[in-house]
Amino acid sequence: MQSGTVTTGRNPSIQAKTPTLRESRSGWIKRLRSATGLLLAGIAVYIGWIGRDARVINAGEGLGYALGIIGGSLMLILLLYSGRKRIPLLRHLGPTRHWFRMHMTLGVIGPILILYHCNFQTGSLNAKVALYCTLLVAISGLVGRYLYAQIHQGLYGNKSSLRQLIATMQASENRSGNNPGFSAPIRRTLTEVSEAALTRPPSLLGAVIQPIALSLKTHWLYFSLKRQLFENIDAQASDSAVIGQHRQNLRRVSAKYLQARLGEIRRVAQFGLFERLFALWHVVHVPFFILLVVSAFVHVLAVHMY
C-alpha cells in the first residue's frame, strides 16, 4: 500500500454516518413529548383509581354522563384518520402525520374519559363489555404505536424502506475497502453476516429469532473484529510513516465505522420483524375497534331504552 493513500478520520469514506445536530435534537424532542404524554396519562389513571371511592360520579347523569358522551365521541373521531388515508377527497385536509398525532392523542384521552365516566368501576353486563373493549383498543393502540415507530424515521416521519436500509449497508461495505485496517477476511465476515440479515425467515417464529441471534452475533463480532482491525493497522503502521502518524485516529475511526456497520446489519434484521408484526397487528386491531363500536352502540341503546 502506498504511504500517500492512507485515509484519516476526516475522510467520509471510513466514517460512520451520524445524524445531524438538528435531526438528533428533533428526535430527542419527539421522544420527550411522547414520554411526557404517556406519563401524564398514567398519572391521570392513577389519580382516578385511588380516588374512585371518595369521588361521587353517576354514569347516567351530570358530569359522569357528559364524560361518557365526550369520551365515546372522541373514540368515534378516531375513524377520521382511516378516512384521511383511504378517501381521496380528504387528502387535502392537511398532512397525514398531523392526523396520526390526533389519532394517537384521542386514542389515549378517550379511554381515560370513559374510565372517569364509569368511575373506574364496572356496572351492567353491556357496560362491562363496552369498557373492556375500550381498554382493549387503547392497549392495542399503544402496541401499534410502538411498532409503527420502529419502522418509521421518527414517530411521524416517512416510512423507512427496507431497500433504503439495504442500500445503506451495501454502501458501507463498499466504503470499507478504503480503510487500511479492513482486510479481506474482515470484509468477508461482514458480507456473510450482512447476507444473513437479508434472508427473510419464512415463519413468524424465525423472524423473531433472527434479530435476536444476529444481535448477539454482531455484538460479539464487534470486539473480535475490532481486535483484528487494530492488529492490521498496527502492522501497517510499522511499514508506513503516514499510517504510523495517523494510527490512533485510524483505530478510533475504524472502531466507530465497524460499530455503525454492525448496527446497520441489526436494523435490517429488526426491520423485517417489526414490519411483519405491524402487519399482523393491523389484522387484530381493526376487529377490536369494530367490536368496540358495536359494544358502545349496544351500551348507549340499552342505557336510554331501559
C-alpha atoms as a PDB file:
ATOM      1  CA  MET A   1       0.000   0.000   0.000  1.00  0.00           C
ATOM      2  CA  GLN A   2       1.323   3.435  -0.863  1.00  0.00           C
ATOM      3  CA  SER A   3       2.021   5.680   2.069  1.00  0.00           C
ATOM      4  CA  GLY A   4       0.238   8.603   0.467  1.00  0.00           C
ATOM      5  CA  THR A   5      -3.092   6.796   0.153  1.00  0.00           C
ATOM      6  CA  VAL A   6      -3.912   6.478   3.826  1.00  0.00           C
ATOM      7  CA  THR A   7      -7.284   7.880   4.857  1.00  0.00           C
ATOM      8  CA  THR A   8      -7.873   9.730   8.089  1.00  0.00           C
ATOM      9  CA  GLY A   9     -10.852  10.497  10.247  1.00  0.00           C
ATOM     10  CA  ARG A  10     -11.773  13.440   8.024  1.00  0.00           C
ATOM     11  CA  ASN A  11     -12.427  11.162   5.079  1.00  0.00           C
ATOM     12  CA  PRO A  12     -16.129  10.306   4.814  1.00  0.00           C
ATOM     13  CA  SER A  13     -15.295   7.005   3.173  1.00  0.00           C
ATOM     14  CA  ILE A  14     -14.413   5.449   6.518  1.00  0.00           C
ATOM     15  CA  GLN A  15     -16.633   7.489   8.797  1.00  0.00           C
ATOM     16  CA  ALA A  16     -19.866   6.184  10.190  1.00  0.00           C
ATOM     17  CA  LYS A  17     -22.926   8.049   9.082  1.00  0.00           C
ATOM     18  CA  THR A  18     -24.228  10.062  12.005  1.00  0.00           C
ATOM     19  CA  PRO A  19     -27.355  12.230  12.267  1.00  0.00           C
ATOM     20  CA  THR A  20     -27.040  15.986  12.188  1.00  0.00           C
ATOM     21  CA  LEU A  21     -27.443  18.035  15.334  1.00  0.00           C
ATOM     22  CA  ARG A  22     -30.850  19.246  14.185  1.00  0.00           C
ATOM     23  CA  GLU A  23     -32.058  15.682  13.474  1.00  0.00           C
ATOM     24  CA  SER A  24     -30.802  14.454  16.846  1.00  0.00           C
ATOM     25  CA  ARG A  25     -32.436  17.353  18.672  1.00  0.00           C
ATOM     26  CA  SER A  26     -35.714  16.887  16.796  1.00  0.00           C
ATOM     27  CA  GLY A  27     -35.782  13.169  17.592  1.00  0.00           C
ATOM     28  CA  TRP A  28     -34.997  13.847  21.239  1.00  0.00           C
ATOM     29  CA  ILE A  29     -37.827  16.409  21.481  1.00  0.00           C
ATOM     30  CA  LYS A  30     -40.311  13.985  19.920  1.00  0.00           C
ATOM     31  CA  ARG A  31     -39.329  11.207  22.311  1.00  0.00           C
ATOM     32  CA  LEU A  32     -39.584  13.582  25.264  1.00  0.00           C
ATOM     33  CA  ARG A  33     -43.006  14.774  24.114  1.00  0.00           C
ATOM     34  CA  SER A  34     -44.276  11.216  23.725  1.00  0.00           C
ATOM     35  CA  ALA A  35     -42.875  10.147  27.099  1.00  0.00           C
ATOM     36  CA  THR A  36     -44.419  13.210  28.783  1.00  0.00           C
ATOM     37  CA  GLY A  37     -47.820  12.465  27.272  1.00  0.00           C
ATOM     38  CA  LEU A  38     -47.744   8.842  28.422  1.00  0.00           C
ATOM     39  CA  LEU A  39     -46.591   9.916  31.891  1.00  0.00           C
ATOM     40  CA  LEU A  40     -49.462  12.397  32.235  1.00  0.00           C
ATOM     41  CA  ALA A  41     -51.921   9.743  31.057  1.00  0.00           C
ATOM     42  CA  GLY A  42     -50.544   7.309  33.640  1.00  0.00           C
ATOM     43  CA  ILE A  43     -50.860   9.927  36.394  1.00  0.00           C
ATOM     44  CA  ALA A  44     -54.465  10.646  35.392  1.00  0.00           C
ATOM     45  CA  VAL A  45     -55.332   6.936  35.540  1.00  0.00           C
ATOM     46  CA  TYR A  46     -53.576   6.502  38.887  1.00  0.00           C
ATOM     47  CA  ILE A  47     -55.337   9.508  40.465  1.00  0.00           C
ATOM     48  CA  GLY A  48     -58.685   8.287  39.163  1.00  0.00           C
ATOM     49  CA  TRP A  49     -58.100   4.789  40.508  1.00  0.00           C
ATOM     50  CA  ILE A  50     -57.056   5.731  44.047  1.00  0.00           C
ATOM     51  CA  GLY A  51     -59.866   8.295  44.351  1.00  0.00           C
ATOM     52  CA  ARG A  52     -62.695   6.211  42.972  1.00  0.00           C
ATOM     53  CA  ASP A  53     -64.276   5.562  46.406  1.00  0.00           C
ATOM     54  CA  ALA A  54     -64.169   9.199  47.515  1.00  0.00           C
ATOM     55  CA  ARG A  55     -65.489  10.564  44.223  1.00  0.00           C
ATOM     56  CA  VAL A  56     -69.215  10.646  43.512  1.00  0.00           C
ATOM     57  CA  ILE A  57     -69.829  10.273  39.764  1.00  0.00           C
ATOM     58  CA  ASN A  58     -73.029   8.875  38.315  1.00  0.00           C
ATOM     59  CA  ALA A  59     -72.529   7.487  34.839  1.00  0.00           C
ATOM     60  CA  GLY A  60     -76.174   8.114  33.992  1.00  0.00           C
ATOM     61  CA  GLU A  61     -76.378  11.839  34.699  1.00  0.00           C
ATOM     62  CA  GLY A  62     -74.442  15.046  35.192  1.00  0.00           C
ATOM     63  CA  LEU A  63     -70.671  15.033  34.859  1.00  0.00           C
ATOM     64  CA  GLY A  64     -70.437  11.247  34.509  1.00  0.00           C
ATOM     65  CA  TYR A  65     -72.909  11.244  31.606  1.00  0.00           C
ATOM     66  CA  ALA A  66     -71.054  14.115  29.894  1.00  0.00           C
ATOM     67  CA  LEU A  67     -67.709  12.348  30.243  1.00  0.00           C
ATOM     68  CA  GLY A  68     -69.195   9.246  28.636  1.00  0.00           C
ATOM     69  CA  ILE A  69     -70.548  11.234  25.687  1.00  0.00           C
ATOM     70  CA  ILE A  70     -67.283  13.118  25.176  1.00  0.00           C
ATOM     71  CA  GLY A  71     -65.111  10.019  25.567  1.00  0.00           C
ATOM     72  CA  GLY A  72     -67.260   7.973  23.203  1.00  0.00           C
ATOM     73  CA  SER A  73     -67.296  10.782  20.642  1.00  0.00           C
ATOM     74  CA  LEU A  74     -63.509  11.033  20.744  1.00  0.00           C
ATOM     75  CA  MET A  75     -63.246   7.300  20.084  1.00  0.00           C
ATOM     76  CA  LEU A  76     -65.528   7.669  17.055  1.00  0.00           C
ATOM     77  CA  ILE A  77     -63.435  10.571  15.750  1.00  0.00           C
ATOM     78  CA  LEU A  78     -60.557   8.094  15.506  1.00  0.00           C
ATOM     79  CA  LEU A  79     -62.226   6.821  12.336  1.00  0.00           C
ATOM     80  CA  LEU A  80     -61.308  10.088  10.607  1.00  0.00           C
ATOM     81  CA  TYR A  81     -57.664   9.008  10.468  1.00  0.00           C
ATOM     82  CA  SER A  82     -58.555   5.898   8.482  1.00  0.00           C
ATOM     83  CA  GLY A  83     -60.782   8.016   6.255  1.00  0.00           C
ATOM     84  CA  ARG A  84     -57.993  10.540   5.678  1.00  0.00           C
ATOM     85  CA  LYS A  85     -55.715   7.752   4.427  1.00  0.00           C
ATOM     86  CA  ARG A  86     -58.250   5.995   2.208  1.00  0.00           C
ATOM     87  CA  ILE A  87     -60.691   8.653   0.914  1.00  0.00           C
ATOM     88  CA  PRO A  88     -59.192  10.805  -1.873  1.00  0.00           C
ATOM     89  CA  LEU A  89     -61.497  13.766  -1.101  1.00  0.00           C
ATOM     90  CA  LEU A  90     -59.955  14.105   2.381  1.00  0.00           C
ATOM     91  CA  ARG A  91     -56.331  14.186   1.251  1.00  0.00           C
ATOM     92  CA  HIS A  92     -56.287  17.973   1.052  1.00  0.00           C
ATOM     93  CA  LEU A  93     -57.086  18.260   4.776  1.00  0.00           C
ATOM     94  CA  GLY A  94     -53.503  18.503   5.971  1.00  0.00           C
ATOM     95  CA  PRO A  95     -50.551  16.079   6.193  1.00  0.00           C
ATOM     96  CA  THR A  96     -51.157  12.529   7.399  1.00  0.00           C
ATOM     97  CA  ARG A  97     -48.674  12.940  10.279  1.00  0.00           C
ATOM     98  CA  HIS A  98     -50.932  15.553  11.907  1.00  0.00           C
ATOM     99  CA  TRP A  99     -53.908  13.216  11.620  1.00  0.00           C
ATOM    100  CA  PHE A 100     -51.846  10.411  13.085  1.00  0.00           C
ATOM    101  CA  ARG A 101     -50.852  12.617  16.036  1.00  0.00           C
ATOM    102  CA  MET A 102     -54.529  13.417  16.603  1.00  0.00           C
ATOM    103  CA  HIS A 103     -55.412   9.730  16.266  1.00  0.00           C
ATOM    104  CA  MET A 104     -52.888   8.722  18.923  1.00  0.00           C
ATOM    105  CA  THR A 105     -53.794  11.570  21.287  1.00  0.00           C
ATOM    106  CA  LEU A 106     -57.530  10.958  21.148  1.00  0.00           C
ATOM    107  CA  GLY A 107     -56.910   7.223  21.444  1.00  0.00           C
ATOM    108  CA  VAL A 108     -55.442   7.892  24.900  1.00  0.00           C
ATOM    109  CA  ILE A 109     -57.739  10.710  26.094  1.00  0.00           C
ATOM    110  CA  GLY A 110     -60.951   8.926  25.056  1.00  0.00           C
ATOM    111  CA  PRO A 111     -60.430   5.769  27.159  1.00  0.00           C
ATOM    112  CA  ILE A 112     -59.344   7.866  30.170  1.00  0.00           C
ATOM    113  CA  LEU A 113     -62.583   9.854  29.982  1.00  0.00           C
ATOM    114  CA  ILE A 114     -64.524   6.593  29.727  1.00  0.00           C
ATOM    115  CA  LEU A 115     -62.777   5.338  32.878  1.00  0.00           C
ATOM    116  CA  TYR A 116     -63.800   8.508  34.729  1.00  0.00           C
ATOM    117  CA  HIS A 117     -67.297   8.186  33.260  1.00  0.00           C
ATOM    118  CA  CYS A 118     -67.736   4.813  34.994  1.00  0.00           C
ATOM    119  CA  ASN A 119     -65.627   5.949  37.986  1.00  0.00           C
ATOM    120  CA  PHE A 120     -63.224   3.027  37.418  1.00  0.00           C
ATOM    121  CA  GLN A 121     -65.979   0.549  38.270  1.00  0.00           C
ATOM    122  CA  THR A 122     -67.926  -1.924  36.168  1.00  0.00           C
ATOM    123  CA  GLY A 123     -71.699  -1.973  36.122  1.00  0.00           C
ATOM    124  CA  SER A 124     -74.094  -3.978  33.994  1.00  0.00           C
ATOM    125  CA  LEU A 125     -73.001  -6.648  31.529  1.00  0.00           C
ATOM    126  CA  ASN A 126     -73.230  -4.381  28.495  1.00  0.00           C
ATOM    127  CA  ALA A 127     -71.276  -1.669  30.372  1.00  0.00           C
ATOM    128  CA  LYS A 128     -68.533  -4.191  31.217  1.00  0.00           C
ATOM    129  CA  VAL A 129     -68.257  -5.323  27.605  1.00  0.00           C
ATOM    130  CA  ALA A 130     -68.069  -1.725  26.341  1.00  0.00           C
ATOM    131  CA  LEU A 131     -65.431  -0.816  28.945  1.00  0.00           C
ATOM    132  CA  TYR A 132     -63.278  -3.859  28.301  1.00  0.00           C
ATOM    133  CA  CYS A 133     -63.451  -3.272  24.533  1.00  0.00           C
ATOM    134  CA  THR A 134     -62.391   0.352  25.068  1.00  0.00           C
ATOM    135  CA  LEU A 135     -59.399  -0.674  27.157  1.00  0.00           C
ATOM    136  CA  LEU A 136     -58.515  -3.432  24.693  1.00  0.00           C
ATOM    137  CA  VAL A 137     -58.469  -0.958  21.802  1.00  0.00           C
ATOM    138  CA  ALA A 138     -56.415   1.536  23.855  1.00  0.00           C
ATOM    139  CA  ILE A 139     -53.790  -1.077  24.781  1.00  0.00           C
ATOM    140  CA  SER A 140     -53.719  -2.368  21.219  1.00  0.00           C
ATOM    141  CA  GLY A 141     -53.208   1.202  20.007  1.00  0.00           C
ATOM    142  CA  LEU A 142     -50.185   1.674  22.271  1.00  0.00           C
ATOM    143  CA  VAL A 143     -48.680  -1.554  20.957  1.00  0.00           C
ATOM    144  CA  GLY A 144     -49.310  -0.397  17.393  1.00  0.00           C
ATOM    145  CA  ARG A 145     -47.727   2.969  18.163  1.00  0.00           C
ATOM    146  CA  TYR A 146     -44.540   1.228  19.302  1.00  0.00           C
ATOM    147  CA  LEU A 147     -44.403  -1.000  16.208  1.00  0.00           C
ATOM    148  CA  TYR A 148     -45.138   1.979  13.968  1.00  0.00           C
ATOM    149  CA  ALA A 149     -42.231   3.909  15.450  1.00  0.00           C
ATOM    150  CA  GLN A 150     -39.832   1.016  14.798  1.00  0.00           C
ATOM    151  CA  ILE A 151     -40.417   1.023  11.029  1.00  0.00           C
ATOM    152  CA  HIS A 152     -40.595   4.789  10.539  1.00  0.00           C
ATOM    153  CA  GLN A 153     -37.994   7.531  10.620  1.00  0.00           C
ATOM    154  CA  GLY A 154     -39.275   9.203  13.735  1.00  0.00           C
ATOM    155  CA  LEU A 155     -42.799   8.655  15.015  1.00  0.00           C
ATOM    156  CA  TYR A 156     -44.424  10.957  12.435  1.00  0.00           C
ATOM    157  CA  GLY A 157     -41.806  10.677   9.693  1.00  0.00           C
ATOM    158  CA  ASN A 158     -41.728   8.876   6.377  1.00  0.00           C
ATOM    159  CA  LYS A 159     -41.777   5.118   6.450  1.00  0.00           C
ATOM    160  CA  SER A 160     -38.322   3.583   6.354  1.00  0.00           C
ATOM    161  CA  SER A 161     -37.738   1.355   3.382  1.00  0.00           C
ATOM    162  CA  LEU A 162     -36.026  -1.984   3.739  1.00  0.00           C
ATOM    163  CA  ARG A 163     -34.444  -1.230   0.389  1.00  0.00           C
ATOM    164  CA  GLN A 164     -33.013   2.018   1.803  1.00  0.00           C
ATOM    165  CA  LEU A 165     -31.555   0.178   4.775  1.00  0.00           C
ATOM    166  CA  ILE A 166     -30.028  -2.419   2.484  1.00  0.00           C
ATOM    167  CA  ALA A 167     -28.581   0.291   0.227  1.00  0.00           C
ATOM    168  CA  THR A 168     -27.007   1.979   3.254  1.00  0.00           C
ATOM    169  CA  MET A 169     -25.490  -1.290   4.379  1.00  0.00           C
ATOM    170  CA  GLN A 170     -24.132  -2.070   0.913  1.00  0.00           C
ATOM    171  CA  ALA A 171     -22.679   1.436   0.598  1.00  0.00           C
ATOM    172  CA  SER A 172     -20.905   0.896   3.910  1.00  0.00           C
ATOM    173  CA  GLU A 173     -19.482  -2.345   2.584  1.00  0.00           C
ATOM    174  CA  ASN A 174     -18.066  -0.539  -0.455  1.00  0.00           C
ATOM    175  CA  ARG A 175     -16.501   2.183   1.708  1.00  0.00           C
ATOM    176  CA  SER A 176     -14.723  -0.290   3.991  1.00  0.00           C
ATOM    177  CA  GLY A 177     -12.202  -1.069   1.257  1.00  0.00           C
ATOM    178  CA  ASN A 178     -10.638   2.391   1.692  1.00  0.00           C
ATOM    179  CA  ASN A 179      -9.672   1.645   5.284  1.00  0.00           C
ATOM    180  CA  PRO A 180      -6.259   0.005   5.690  1.00  0.00           C
ATOM    181  CA  GLY A 181      -7.481  -1.986   8.685  1.00  0.00           C
ATOM    182  CA  PHE A 182     -10.247  -3.815   6.815  1.00  0.00           C
ATOM    183  CA  SER A 183      -8.509  -6.888   5.443  1.00  0.00           C
ATOM    184  CA  ALA A 184     -10.174  -9.371   3.082  1.00  0.00           C
ATOM    185  CA  PRO A 185     -11.139 -11.795   5.910  1.00  0.00           C
ATOM    186  CA  ILE A 186     -12.829  -8.983   7.864  1.00  0.00           C
ATOM    187  CA  ARG A 187     -14.761  -7.776   4.812  1.00  0.00           C
ATOM    188  CA  ARG A 188     -15.751 -11.362   4.039  1.00  0.00           C
ATOM    189  CA  THR A 189     -17.078 -11.838   7.586  1.00  0.00           C
ATOM    190  CA  LEU A 190     -19.116  -8.619   7.339  1.00  0.00           C
ATOM    191  CA  THR A 191     -20.507  -9.712   3.972  1.00  0.00           C
ATOM    192  CA  GLU A 192     -21.585 -13.082   5.363  1.00  0.00           C
ATOM    193  CA  VAL A 193     -23.398 -11.580   8.339  1.00  0.00           C
ATOM    194  CA  SER A 194     -24.983  -8.983   6.031  1.00  0.00           C
ATOM    195  CA  GLU A 195     -26.349 -11.739   3.781  1.00  0.00           C
ATOM    196  CA  ALA A 196     -27.748 -13.474   6.859  1.00  0.00           C
ATOM    197  CA  ALA A 197     -29.602 -10.269   7.797  1.00  0.00           C
ATOM    198  CA  LEU A 198     -31.061 -10.023   4.271  1.00  0.00           C
ATOM    199  CA  THR A 199     -32.513 -13.540   4.490  1.00  0.00           C
ATOM    200  CA  ARG A 200     -36.218 -13.326   5.321  1.00  0.00           C
ATOM    201  CA  PRO A 201     -37.340 -16.222   7.567  1.00  0.00           C
ATOM    202  CA  PRO A 202     -40.482 -17.966   6.282  1.00  0.00           C
ATOM    203  CA  SER A 203     -42.164 -18.179   9.691  1.00  0.00           C
ATOM    204  CA  LEU A 204     -43.012 -15.617  12.373  1.00  0.00           C
ATOM    205  CA  LEU A 205     -41.012 -17.588  14.941  1.00  0.00           C
ATOM    206  CA  GLY A 206     -37.995 -17.466  12.662  1.00  0.00           C
ATOM    207  CA  ALA A 207     -38.479 -13.716  12.203  1.00  0.00           C
ATOM    208  CA  VAL A 208     -38.426 -13.317  15.999  1.00  0.00           C
ATOM    209  CA  ILE A 209     -35.329 -15.473  16.495  1.00  0.00           C
ATOM    210  CA  GLN A 210     -33.295 -13.974  13.636  1.00  0.00           C
ATOM    211  CA  PRO A 211     -32.751 -10.417  15.008  1.00  0.00           C
ATOM    212  CA  ILE A 212     -32.009 -11.792  18.486  1.00  0.00           C
ATOM    213  CA  ALA A 213     -29.398 -14.196  17.133  1.00  0.00           C
ATOM    214  CA  LEU A 214     -27.867 -11.544  14.867  1.00  0.00           C
ATOM    215  CA  SER A 215     -27.798  -9.023  17.713  1.00  0.00           C
ATOM    216  CA  LEU A 216     -25.793 -11.423  19.870  1.00  0.00           C
ATOM    217  CA  LYS A 217     -23.525 -12.339  16.971  1.00  0.00           C
ATOM    218  CA  THR A 218     -22.825  -8.743  15.862  1.00  0.00           C
ATOM    219  CA  HIS A 219     -22.037  -7.621  19.406  1.00  0.00           C
ATOM    220  CA  TRP A 220     -19.548 -10.461  19.723  1.00  0.00           C
ATOM    221  CA  LEU A 221     -18.140  -9.669  16.275  1.00  0.00           C
ATOM    222  CA  TYR A 222     -17.569  -6.059  17.244  1.00  0.00           C
ATOM    223  CA  PHE A 223     -14.962  -6.979  19.854  1.00  0.00           C
ATOM    224  CA  SER A 224     -13.475  -9.767  17.745  1.00  0.00           C
ATOM    225  CA  LEU A 225     -13.165  -7.753  14.542  1.00  0.00           C
ATOM    226  CA  LYS A 226     -12.030  -4.607  16.338  1.00  0.00           C
ATOM    227  CA  ARG A 227      -9.060  -6.526  17.707  1.00  0.00           C
ATOM    228  CA  GLN A 228      -8.186  -7.703  14.198  1.00  0.00           C
ATOM    229  CA  LEU A 229      -8.591  -4.163  12.843  1.00  0.00           C
ATOM    230  CA  PHE A 230      -6.190  -2.751  15.397  1.00  0.00           C
ATOM    231  CA  GLU A 231      -3.671  -5.520  14.682  1.00  0.00           C
ATOM    232  CA  ASN A 232      -3.841  -4.790  10.936  1.00  0.00           C
ATOM    233  CA  ILE A 233      -3.407  -1.059  11.443  1.00  0.00           C
ATOM    234  CA  ASP A 234      -0.508  -1.558  13.847  1.00  0.00           C
ATOM    235  CA  ALA A 235       1.193  -3.959  11.415  1.00  0.00           C
ATOM    236  CA  GLN A 236       0.882  -1.478   8.527  1.00  0.00           C
ATOM    237  CA  ALA A 237       1.998   1.400  10.730  1.00  0.00           C
ATOM    238  CA  SER A 238       5.414  -0.217  11.054  1.00  0.00           C
ATOM    239  CA  ASP A 239       5.797  -0.151   7.240  1.00  0.00           C
ATOM    240  CA  SER A 240       4.262   3.248   6.522  1.00  0.00           C
ATOM    241  CA  ALA A 241       5.199   6.528   8.182  1.00  0.00           C
ATOM    242  CA  VAL A 242       1.887   8.104   7.140  1.00  0.00           C
ATOM    243  CA  ILE A 243      -0.162   5.286   8.675  1.00  0.00           C
ATOM    244  CA  GLY A 244       2.022   5.409  11.756  1.00  0.00           C
ATOM    245  CA  GLN A 245       1.368   9.137  12.070  1.00  0.00           C
ATOM    246  CA  HIS A 246      -2.398   8.643  11.881  1.00  0.00           C
ATOM    247  CA  ARG A 247      -2.556   5.278  13.659  1.00  0.00           C
ATOM    248  CA  GLN A 248      -4.566   6.400  16.708  1.00  0.00           C
ATOM    249  CA  ASN A 249      -7.031   8.298  14.565  1.00  0.00           C
ATOM    250  CA  LEU A 250      -7.399   5.301  12.243  1.00  0.00           C
ATOM    251  CA  ARG A 251      -8.010   2.981  15.171  1.00  0.00           C
ATOM    252  CA  ARG A 252     -10.699   5.296  16.552  1.00  0.00           C
ATOM    253  CA  VAL A 253     -12.440   5.828  13.217  1.00  0.00           C
ATOM    254  CA  SER A 254     -12.232   2.138  12.290  1.00  0.00           C
ATOM    255  CA  ALA A 255     -13.887   1.093  15.543  1.00  0.00           C
ATOM    256  CA  LYS A 256     -16.594   3.719  15.046  1.00  0.00           C
ATOM    257  CA  TYR A 257     -17.198   2.608  11.481  1.00  0.00           C
ATOM    258  CA  LEU A 258     -17.339  -1.068  12.466  1.00  0.00           C
ATOM    259  CA  GLN A 259     -19.859  -0.311  15.196  1.00  0.00           C
ATOM    260  CA  ALA A 260     -22.051   1.635  12.751  1.00  0.00           C
ATOM    261  CA  ARG A 261     -21.818  -1.100  10.105  1.00  0.00           C
ATOM    262  CA  LEU A 262     -22.875  -3.820  12.541  1.00  0.00           C
ATOM    263  CA  GLY A 263     -25.672  -1.547  13.757  1.00  0.00           C
ATOM    264  CA  GLU A 264     -26.953  -1.271  10.180  1.00  0.00           C
ATOM    265  CA  ILE A 265     -26.992  -5.057   9.942  1.00  0.00           C
ATOM    266  CA  ARG A 266     -29.051  -5.269  13.141  1.00  0.00           C
ATOM    267  CA  ARG A 267     -31.511  -2.653  11.858  1.00  0.00           C
ATOM    268  CA  VAL A 268     -32.071  -4.583   8.626  1.00  0.00           C
ATOM    269  CA  ALA A 269     -32.870  -7.760  10.580  1.00  0.00           C
ATOM    270  CA  GLN A 270     -35.102  -5.923  13.069  1.00  0.00           C
ATOM    271  CA  PHE A 271     -36.976  -4.053  10.350  1.00  0.00           C
ATOM    272  CA  GLY A 272     -38.260  -7.280   8.824  1.00  0.00           C
ATOM    273  CA  LEU A 273     -39.567  -8.443  12.203  1.00  0.00           C
ATOM    274  CA  PHE A 274     -41.295  -5.170  13.092  1.00  0.00           C
ATOM    275  CA  GLU A 275     -42.826  -4.850   9.636  1.00  0.00           C
ATOM    276  CA  ARG A 276     -44.298  -8.345   9.920  1.00  0.00           C
ATOM    277  CA  LEU A 277     -45.573  -7.680  13.461  1.00  0.00           C
ATOM    278  CA  PHE A 278     -47.111  -4.375  12.362  1.00  0.00           C
ATOM    279  CA  ALA A 279     -48.976  -6.113   9.529  1.00  0.00           C
ATOM    280  CA  LEU A 280     -50.216  -8.755  11.986  1.00  0.00           C
ATOM    281  CA  TRP A 281     -51.225  -6.019  14.442  1.00  0.00           C
ATOM    282  CA  HIS A 282     -53.393  -4.394  11.759  1.00  0.00           C
ATOM    283  CA  VAL A 283     -55.257  -7.677  11.278  1.00  0.00           C
ATOM    284  CA  VAL A 284     -56.037  -7.800  15.005  1.00  0.00           C
ATOM    285  CA  HIS A 285     -56.601  -4.105  15.773  1.00  0.00           C
ATOM    286  CA  VAL A 286     -59.318  -3.458  13.185  1.00  0.00           C
ATOM    287  CA  PRO A 287     -61.674  -6.182  14.535  1.00  0.00           C
ATOM    288  CA  PHE A 288     -61.031  -4.870  18.062  1.00  0.00           C
ATOM    289  CA  PHE A 289     -62.173  -1.415  17.005  1.00  0.00           C
ATOM    290  CA  ILE A 290     -65.256  -2.770  15.206  1.00  0.00           C
ATOM    291  CA  LEU A 291     -66.132  -4.711  18.358  1.00  0.00           C
ATOM    292  CA  LEU A 292     -65.751  -1.500  20.368  1.00  0.00           C
ATOM    293  CA  VAL A 293     -68.126   0.420  18.088  1.00  0.00           C
ATOM    294  CA  VAL A 294     -70.752  -2.343  18.276  1.00  0.00           C
ATOM    295  CA  SER A 295     -70.471  -2.731  22.072  1.00  0.00           C
ATOM    296  CA  ALA A 296     -70.614   1.053  22.597  1.00  0.00           C
ATOM    297  CA  PHE A 297     -73.722   1.303  20.423  1.00  0.00           C
ATOM    298  CA  VAL A 298     -75.423  -1.528  22.346  1.00  0.00           C
ATOM    299  CA  HIS A 299     -74.441   0.085  25.657  1.00  0.00           C
ATOM    300  CA  VAL A 300     -75.847   3.512  24.698  1.00  0.00           C
ATOM    301  CA  LEU A 301     -79.005   1.915  23.313  1.00  0.00           C
ATOM    302  CA  ALA A 302     -79.530  -0.165  26.452  1.00  0.00           C
ATOM    303  CA  VAL A 303     -78.969   2.817  28.765  1.00  0.00           C
ATOM    304  CA  HIS A 304     -81.513   5.027  27.004  1.00  0.00           C
ATOM    305  CA  MET A 305     -84.122   2.340  26.394  1.00  0.00           C
ATOM    306  CA  TYR A 306     -84.048   0.735  29.817  1.00  0.00           C
END
